[in-house]
Protein backbone atom coordinates (compact mmCIF):
# COMPACT_ATOMS: atom_id res chain seq x y z
CA MET A 1 -8.96 -8.29 5.93
CA LYS A 2 -6.11 -5.85 6.60
CA ARG A 3 -3.03 -6.85 4.40
CA GLN A 4 0.15 -6.49 6.03
CA LEU A 5 3.59 -5.88 4.26
CA MET A 6 4.87 -9.20 5.04
CA THR A 7 1.74 -11.29 4.63
CA LEU A 8 1.42 -13.37 1.54
CA LEU A 9 -1.67 -13.78 -0.41
CA PHE A 10 -0.54 -17.25 -1.44
CA SER A 11 2.92 -19.21 -0.69
CA ASP A 12 4.97 -18.11 -3.65
CA ALA A 13 3.83 -14.62 -3.92
CA GLU A 14 6.06 -11.53 -3.16
CA SER A 15 5.01 -9.30 -0.35
CA ARG A 16 4.53 -5.64 -0.71
CA ARG A 17 7.84 -4.97 0.96
CA ASP A 18 9.27 -7.54 -1.78
CA GLU A 19 7.53 -5.51 -4.45
CA TRP A 20 8.85 -2.22 -3.07
CA ASN A 21 12.56 -3.51 -2.88
CA ARG A 22 12.43 -4.86 -6.28
CA LEU A 23 10.92 -1.73 -7.79
CA LYS A 24 13.09 0.63 -5.91
CA PRO A 25 16.07 0.43 -8.27
CA PHE A 26 13.90 0.84 -11.34
CA PHE A 27 12.07 3.78 -9.77
CA ASP A 28 15.29 5.59 -8.87
CA GLN A 29 16.59 5.07 -12.49
CA VAL A 30 13.29 6.48 -13.96
CA MET A 31 13.39 9.32 -11.72
CA ALA A 32 17.01 10.23 -12.64
CA GLU A 33 16.16 10.17 -16.34
CA ASP A 34 15.99 13.62 -18.14
CA SER A 35 13.57 12.09 -20.61
CA VAL A 36 10.48 14.43 -21.36
CA ASN A 37 8.19 11.31 -21.54
CA ILE A 38 8.46 7.72 -20.11
CA ILE A 39 5.86 5.10 -20.47
CA ILE A 40 5.50 2.38 -17.75
CA VAL A 41 3.38 -0.62 -18.29
CA SER A 42 3.03 -2.85 -15.34
CA HIS A 43 0.10 -4.92 -13.40
CA GLY A 44 -2.02 -2.87 -10.87
CA ASP A 45 -0.33 -3.85 -7.75
CA LEU A 46 3.21 -2.80 -8.64
CA LEU A 47 1.81 0.31 -10.01
CA SER A 48 0.17 1.04 -6.81
CA VAL A 49 3.58 0.69 -5.17
CA PHE A 50 5.18 2.87 -7.85
CA ASN A 51 2.54 5.50 -7.22
CA SER A 52 3.35 5.43 -3.57
CA MET A 53 7.10 5.89 -3.99
CA PHE A 54 6.35 8.77 -6.61
CA LEU A 55 4.32 10.73 -3.96
CA GLY A 56 7.15 10.16 -1.54
CA LEU A 57 5.45 7.85 0.78
CA GLU A 58 7.29 5.28 2.93
CA VAL A 59 7.03 1.63 2.39
CA GLU A 60 5.00 1.22 5.68
CA SER A 61 2.17 3.51 4.01
CA LEU A 62 1.21 0.44 1.98
CA ASN A 63 -0.57 -0.87 5.02
CA ALA A 64 -2.55 2.09 5.23
CA TYR A 65 -3.20 3.50 1.53
CA GLU A 66 -3.96 1.89 -1.93
CA MET A 67 -4.20 3.53 -5.13
CA PHE A 68 -6.27 1.20 -7.18
CA GLY A 69 -6.19 1.30 -10.87
CA PHE A 70 -8.16 -0.13 -13.87
CA ALA A 71 -6.52 -2.59 -16.37
CA GLY A 72 -5.73 -0.30 -19.36
CA GLY A 73 -6.04 2.73 -17.17
CA VAL A 74 -3.68 5.66 -17.99
CA SER A 75 -2.02 7.99 -15.38
CA GLN A 76 -0.17 11.08 -16.03
CA MET A 77 2.58 12.01 -13.32
CA ILE A 78 4.58 15.14 -13.77
CA VAL A 79 7.70 16.44 -12.11
CA ARG A 80 7.66 20.31 -12.32
CA ASP A 81 10.92 22.31 -12.79
CA ASP A 82 10.67 23.03 -8.98
CA GLY A 83 10.77 19.40 -8.12
CA LYS A 84 7.28 19.11 -7.12
CA ARG A 85 5.67 15.89 -8.19
CA MET A 86 2.13 15.87 -9.54
CA ILE A 87 -0.28 13.08 -10.48
CA LYS A 88 -2.76 14.68 -12.88
CA ARG A 89 -4.55 11.82 -14.02
CA ILE A 90 -4.79 8.28 -12.41
CA SER A 91 -6.30 5.25 -14.04
CA ASP A 92 -8.05 7.43 -16.62
CA MET A 93 -10.40 5.02 -18.86
CA SER A 94 -12.01 8.14 -20.81
CA PHE A 95 -10.43 6.70 -24.01
CA VAL A 96 -12.33 3.40 -23.77
CA ARG A 97 -15.67 3.88 -25.76
C-alpha cells in the first residue's frame, strides 16, 4: 500500500505533510544552533521526516523514500565546516548486547 502525504492511517492521525509542517520550525532552530552536540529523541516516523529534511529532500520525497529506524537506534549526523551534511550512522544498535 503506497502511503500518500495526505492519507491518514487512522482518523485522528497526522499526515506526513502535517508532521513535516510541525517539525520544520524545530528543524530550522536545530540547524541554526552553534552547538557541538545536539541529542534528539523522538518516535521513528518523525525521525524519518527529520532525516529527510537533514538531507535536503522535499516533503514530496516522503512518498518515494523512507528511512526506517529501530527503537533505541542511534544516528550520528554531521554538518561539516564546508556545510556538507553527512549521516555517519543511522539507527545503530551495536550498543545493545
